[in-house]
Amino acid sequence: MSILYALFLVYIFAVNFYAFRLLKTQRDAWEDGEPPKGDGKLLLAAVMGGAIAVYVTMFVLKFRLSNLTFMILMPLIGVFNVYCFYLGFRGIYFFPY
């Protein structure tokens, strides 16, 4: 049972790291003069569990703060992610009794 929790933790870490790197790559491209693209990838990474990383990274990098869609959607998806993580660690997805 503990191996499932370890895999779940690795998944959460990997998705959040990917979301962070994706937003940082967008910011670096924007600084080079390219328009930001890949919003679909960013939203997909957020829905898969990286919404909190995207939201925090937006403030740390001071990038995309004027985008109203991300400023409203990311906290909502983040709350959903935290609830799903809670259910996952509680054991509902893994061997319910």
N, C-alpha and C. Protein backbone atom coordinates (compact mmCIF):
# COMPACT_ATOMS: atom_id res chain seq x y z
N MET A 1 0.82 -1.19 0.00
CA MET A 1 0.00 0.00 0.00
C MET A 1 0.87 1.26 0.00
N SER A 2 2.00 1.20 0.68
CA SER A 2 2.84 2.40 0.74
C SER A 2 3.49 2.69 -0.60
N ILE A 3 3.66 1.67 -1.45
CA ILE A 3 4.23 1.90 -2.77
C ILE A 3 3.27 2.72 -3.62
N LEU A 4 1.97 2.53 -3.43
CA LEU A 4 0.99 3.33 -4.17
C LEU A 4 1.03 4.79 -3.75
N TYR A 5 1.19 5.01 -2.44
CA TYR A 5 1.31 6.39 -1.97
C TYR A 5 2.60 7.02 -2.50
N ALA A 6 3.67 6.28 -2.56
CA ALA A 6 4.93 6.80 -3.10
C ALA A 6 4.77 7.14 -4.58
N LEU A 7 4.12 6.29 -5.34
CA LEU A 7 3.87 6.57 -6.75
C LEU A 7 2.98 7.79 -6.93
N PHE A 8 2.00 7.92 -6.05
CA PHE A 8 1.09 9.07 -6.10
C PHE A 8 1.85 10.36 -5.80
N LEU A 9 2.76 10.32 -4.85
CA LEU A 9 3.58 11.50 -4.54
C LEU A 9 4.51 11.85 -5.69
N VAL A 10 5.09 10.85 -6.33
CA VAL A 10 5.96 11.10 -7.47
C VAL A 10 5.16 11.71 -8.62
N TYR A 11 3.94 11.24 -8.83
CA TYR A 11 3.08 11.79 -9.86
C TYR A 11 2.77 13.26 -9.58
N ILE A 12 2.40 13.58 -8.36
CA ILE A 12 2.09 14.96 -7.99
C ILE A 12 3.31 15.85 -8.20
N PHE A 13 4.47 15.39 -7.76
CA PHE A 13 5.69 16.17 -7.93
C PHE A 13 6.01 16.37 -9.41
N ALA A 14 5.88 15.33 -10.22
CA ALA A 14 6.21 15.41 -11.64
C ALA A 14 5.29 16.37 -12.39
N VAL A 15 4.00 16.31 -12.12
CA VAL A 15 3.06 17.20 -12.80
C VAL A 15 3.29 18.65 -12.40
N ASN A 16 3.54 18.89 -11.12
CA ASN A 16 3.80 20.26 -10.68
C ASN A 16 5.11 20.79 -11.25
N PHE A 17 6.14 19.95 -11.35
CA PHE A 17 7.40 20.37 -11.94
C PHE A 17 7.22 20.68 -13.42
N TYR A 18 6.46 19.85 -14.13
CA TYR A 18 6.20 20.09 -15.55
C TYR A 18 5.44 21.40 -15.74
N ALA A 19 4.45 21.65 -14.90
CA ALA A 19 3.69 22.89 -15.02
C ALA A 19 4.57 24.11 -14.76
N PHE A 20 5.46 24.01 -13.78
CA PHE A 20 6.39 25.10 -13.50
C PHE A 20 7.30 25.35 -14.71
N ARG A 21 7.89 24.30 -15.26
CA ARG A 21 8.81 24.45 -16.39
C ARG A 21 8.07 24.96 -17.63
N LEU A 22 6.83 24.56 -17.82
CA LEU A 22 6.07 25.02 -18.98
C LEU A 22 5.81 26.52 -18.90
N LEU A 23 5.44 27.02 -17.74
CA LEU A 23 5.20 28.45 -17.59
C LEU A 23 6.50 29.24 -17.69
N LYS A 24 7.59 28.69 -17.15
CA LYS A 24 8.88 29.37 -17.24
C LYS A 24 9.35 29.42 -18.69
N THR A 25 9.12 28.37 -19.45
CA THR A 25 9.48 28.36 -20.86
C THR A 25 8.67 29.40 -21.64
N GLN A 26 7.38 29.52 -21.31
CA GLN A 26 6.56 30.54 -21.95
C GLN A 26 7.07 31.94 -21.63
N ARG A 27 7.46 32.17 -20.39
CA ARG A 27 7.96 33.48 -20.01
C ARG A 27 9.27 33.79 -20.72
N ASP A 28 10.16 32.81 -20.82
CA ASP A 28 11.43 33.02 -21.51
C ASP A 28 11.21 33.32 -23.00
N ALA A 29 10.26 32.63 -23.62
CA ALA A 29 9.94 32.89 -25.02
C ALA A 29 9.34 34.29 -25.18
N TRP A 30 8.52 34.70 -24.23
CA TRP A 30 7.91 36.02 -24.28
C TRP A 30 8.97 37.12 -24.15
N GLU A 31 9.98 36.88 -23.32
CA GLU A 31 11.06 37.85 -23.18
C GLU A 31 11.90 37.96 -24.44
N ASP A 32 11.95 36.88 -25.23
CA ASP A 32 12.67 36.91 -26.50
C ASP A 32 11.86 37.54 -27.62
N GLY A 33 10.61 37.89 -27.35
CA GLY A 33 9.79 38.59 -28.34
C GLY A 33 8.72 37.76 -28.98
N GLU A 34 8.61 36.49 -28.64
CA GLU A 34 7.57 35.63 -29.21
C GLU A 34 6.29 35.79 -28.40
N PRO A 35 5.12 35.71 -29.06
CA PRO A 35 3.86 35.77 -28.30
C PRO A 35 3.67 34.49 -27.49
N PRO A 36 3.07 34.60 -26.31
CA PRO A 36 2.86 33.39 -25.50
C PRO A 36 1.89 32.43 -26.19
N LYS A 37 2.26 31.17 -26.24
CA LYS A 37 1.40 30.15 -26.84
C LYS A 37 1.45 28.91 -25.97
N GLY A 38 0.57 28.00 -26.21
CA GLY A 38 0.55 26.77 -25.42
C GLY A 38 -0.37 26.86 -24.22
N ASP A 39 -1.42 27.67 -24.31
CA ASP A 39 -2.35 27.78 -23.18
C ASP A 39 -3.08 26.46 -22.94
N GLY A 40 -3.30 25.70 -23.99
CA GLY A 40 -3.95 24.40 -23.83
C GLY A 40 -3.10 23.44 -23.01
N LYS A 41 -1.80 23.44 -23.28
CA LYS A 41 -0.90 22.59 -22.50
C LYS A 41 -0.88 23.01 -21.04
N LEU A 42 -0.90 24.32 -20.82
CA LEU A 42 -0.88 24.83 -19.46
C LEU A 42 -2.15 24.46 -18.71
N LEU A 43 -3.29 24.57 -19.37
CA LEU A 43 -4.56 24.18 -18.73
C LEU A 43 -4.62 22.67 -18.50
N LEU A 44 -4.09 21.89 -19.43
CA LEU A 44 -4.06 20.44 -19.25
C LEU A 44 -3.18 20.05 -18.06
N ALA A 45 -2.02 20.69 -17.96
CA ALA A 45 -1.14 20.42 -16.82
C ALA A 45 -1.81 20.82 -15.51
N ALA A 46 -2.59 21.90 -15.54
CA ALA A 46 -3.29 22.34 -14.34
C ALA A 46 -4.37 21.35 -13.94
N VAL A 47 -5.12 20.87 -14.90
CA VAL A 47 -6.20 19.91 -14.60
C VAL A 47 -5.62 18.58 -14.11
N MET A 48 -4.45 18.21 -14.62
CA MET A 48 -3.82 16.96 -14.20
C MET A 48 -3.22 17.02 -12.80
N GLY A 49 -3.17 18.21 -12.21
CA GLY A 49 -2.69 18.31 -10.85
C GLY A 49 -1.68 19.42 -10.61
N GLY A 50 -1.40 20.23 -11.60
CA GLY A 50 -0.38 21.26 -11.44
C GLY A 50 -0.91 22.67 -11.32
N ALA A 51 -2.16 22.83 -10.95
CA ALA A 51 -2.77 24.17 -10.90
C ALA A 51 -2.12 25.04 -9.83
N ILE A 52 -1.78 24.47 -8.72
CA ILE A 52 -1.17 25.26 -7.65
C ILE A 52 0.22 25.72 -8.08
N ALA A 53 0.95 24.87 -8.75
CA ALA A 53 2.28 25.26 -9.23
C ALA A 53 2.17 26.36 -10.28
N VAL A 54 1.21 26.28 -11.16
CA VAL A 54 1.02 27.32 -12.18
C VAL A 54 0.66 28.64 -11.51
N TYR A 55 -0.24 28.60 -10.56
CA TYR A 55 -0.71 29.82 -9.90
C TYR A 55 0.41 30.49 -9.10
N VAL A 56 1.18 29.70 -8.37
CA VAL A 56 2.29 30.26 -7.60
C VAL A 56 3.39 30.77 -8.53
N THR A 57 3.68 30.05 -9.60
CA THR A 57 4.71 30.46 -10.54
C THR A 57 4.33 31.75 -11.24
N MET A 58 3.03 31.95 -11.51
CA MET A 58 2.60 33.20 -12.12
C MET A 58 2.99 34.39 -11.25
N PHE A 59 2.85 34.25 -9.95
CA PHE A 59 3.20 35.36 -9.06
C PHE A 59 4.70 35.48 -8.86
N VAL A 60 5.40 34.37 -8.80
CA VAL A 60 6.85 34.42 -8.60
C VAL A 60 7.54 35.06 -9.81
N LEU A 61 7.12 34.66 -11.01
CA LEU A 61 7.73 35.19 -12.23
C LEU A 61 7.10 36.50 -12.69
N LYS A 62 5.98 36.89 -12.07
CA LYS A 62 5.23 38.09 -12.47
C LYS A 62 4.89 38.03 -13.96
N PHE A 63 4.35 36.92 -14.37
CA PHE A 63 4.02 36.67 -15.76
C PHE A 63 2.58 36.19 -15.86
N ARG A 64 1.84 36.73 -16.79
CA ARG A 64 0.46 36.38 -17.06
C ARG A 64 -0.49 36.79 -15.94
N LEU A 65 -0.14 37.78 -15.16
CA LEU A 65 -1.01 38.21 -14.08
C LEU A 65 -2.21 39.00 -14.60
N SER A 66 -2.11 39.52 -15.80
CA SER A 66 -3.23 40.27 -16.37
C SER A 66 -4.22 39.37 -17.12
N ASN A 67 -3.91 38.10 -17.26
CA ASN A 67 -4.79 37.16 -17.94
C ASN A 67 -5.89 36.73 -16.97
N LEU A 68 -7.08 37.25 -17.19
CA LEU A 68 -8.19 37.02 -16.27
C LEU A 68 -8.61 35.55 -16.21
N THR A 69 -8.49 34.85 -17.33
CA THR A 69 -8.86 33.44 -17.36
C THR A 69 -8.00 32.63 -16.39
N PHE A 70 -6.69 32.85 -16.43
CA PHE A 70 -5.80 32.11 -15.54
C PHE A 70 -5.96 32.54 -14.09
N MET A 71 -6.21 33.82 -13.86
CA MET A 71 -6.32 34.31 -12.50
C MET A 71 -7.59 33.80 -11.81
N ILE A 72 -8.61 33.46 -12.57
CA ILE A 72 -9.84 32.93 -11.99
C ILE A 72 -9.84 31.40 -12.01
N LEU A 73 -9.38 30.83 -13.13
CA LEU A 73 -9.47 29.38 -13.32
C LEU A 73 -8.47 28.61 -12.47
N MET A 74 -7.25 29.09 -12.32
CA MET A 74 -6.22 28.34 -11.60
C MET A 74 -6.55 28.10 -10.13
N PRO A 75 -7.05 29.10 -9.39
CA PRO A 75 -7.42 28.78 -8.00
C PRO A 75 -8.57 27.78 -7.90
N LEU A 76 -9.52 27.87 -8.83
CA LEU A 76 -10.64 26.91 -8.81
C LEU A 76 -10.16 25.49 -9.11
N ILE A 77 -9.32 25.36 -10.12
CA ILE A 77 -8.77 24.05 -10.45
C ILE A 77 -7.87 23.57 -9.31
N GLY A 78 -7.15 24.50 -8.67
CA GLY A 78 -6.29 24.15 -7.54
C GLY A 78 -7.07 23.57 -6.38
N VAL A 79 -8.22 24.14 -6.08
CA VAL A 79 -9.07 23.60 -5.01
C VAL A 79 -9.54 22.20 -5.38
N PHE A 80 -9.91 22.01 -6.65
CA PHE A 80 -10.32 20.69 -7.12
C PHE A 80 -9.16 19.69 -7.02
N ASN A 81 -7.95 20.13 -7.37
CA ASN A 81 -6.77 19.27 -7.25
C ASN A 81 -6.51 18.86 -5.82
N VAL A 82 -6.59 19.79 -4.90
CA VAL A 82 -6.34 19.48 -3.50
C VAL A 82 -7.38 18.48 -2.99
N TYR A 83 -8.62 18.65 -3.39
CA TYR A 83 -9.67 17.72 -2.98
C TYR A 83 -9.41 16.32 -3.55
N CYS A 84 -9.00 16.24 -4.81
CA CYS A 84 -8.70 14.94 -5.41
C CYS A 84 -7.48 14.30 -4.74
N PHE A 85 -6.47 15.10 -4.41
CA PHE A 85 -5.30 14.57 -3.71
C PHE A 85 -5.71 14.05 -2.33
N TYR A 86 -6.59 14.76 -1.66
CA TYR A 86 -7.08 14.31 -0.36
C TYR A 86 -7.78 12.97 -0.49
N LEU A 87 -8.65 12.85 -1.49
CA LEU A 87 -9.35 11.58 -1.69
C LEU A 87 -8.37 10.47 -2.04
N GLY A 88 -7.35 10.80 -2.82
CA GLY A 88 -6.37 9.79 -3.21
C GLY A 88 -5.56 9.30 -2.02
N PHE A 89 -5.15 10.21 -1.17
CA PHE A 89 -4.38 9.80 0.00
C PHE A 89 -5.25 9.14 1.06
N ARG A 90 -6.51 9.45 1.05
CA ARG A 90 -7.41 8.80 2.00
C ARG A 90 -7.67 7.36 1.61
N GLY A 91 -7.48 7.04 0.36
CA GLY A 91 -7.58 5.66 -0.06
C GLY A 91 -8.80 5.31 -0.87
N ILE A 92 -9.59 6.30 -1.27
CA ILE A 92 -10.79 5.99 -2.03
C ILE A 92 -10.44 5.43 -3.40
N TYR A 93 -9.43 6.00 -4.05
CA TYR A 93 -9.08 5.53 -5.38
C TYR A 93 -8.31 4.22 -5.34
N PHE A 94 -7.71 3.89 -4.25
CA PHE A 94 -6.87 2.69 -4.18
C PHE A 94 -7.61 1.53 -3.55
N PHE A 95 -7.95 1.01 -2.86
CA PHE A 95 -8.62 -0.15 -2.30
C PHE A 95 -9.68 0.30 -1.31
N PRO A 96 -10.85 0.68 -1.79
CA PRO A 96 -11.90 1.11 -0.86
C PRO A 96 -12.43 -0.09 -0.05
N TYR A 97 -12.81 0.18 1.15
CA TYR A 97 -13.31 -0.88 2.03
C TYR A 97 -14.80 -0.96 1.96
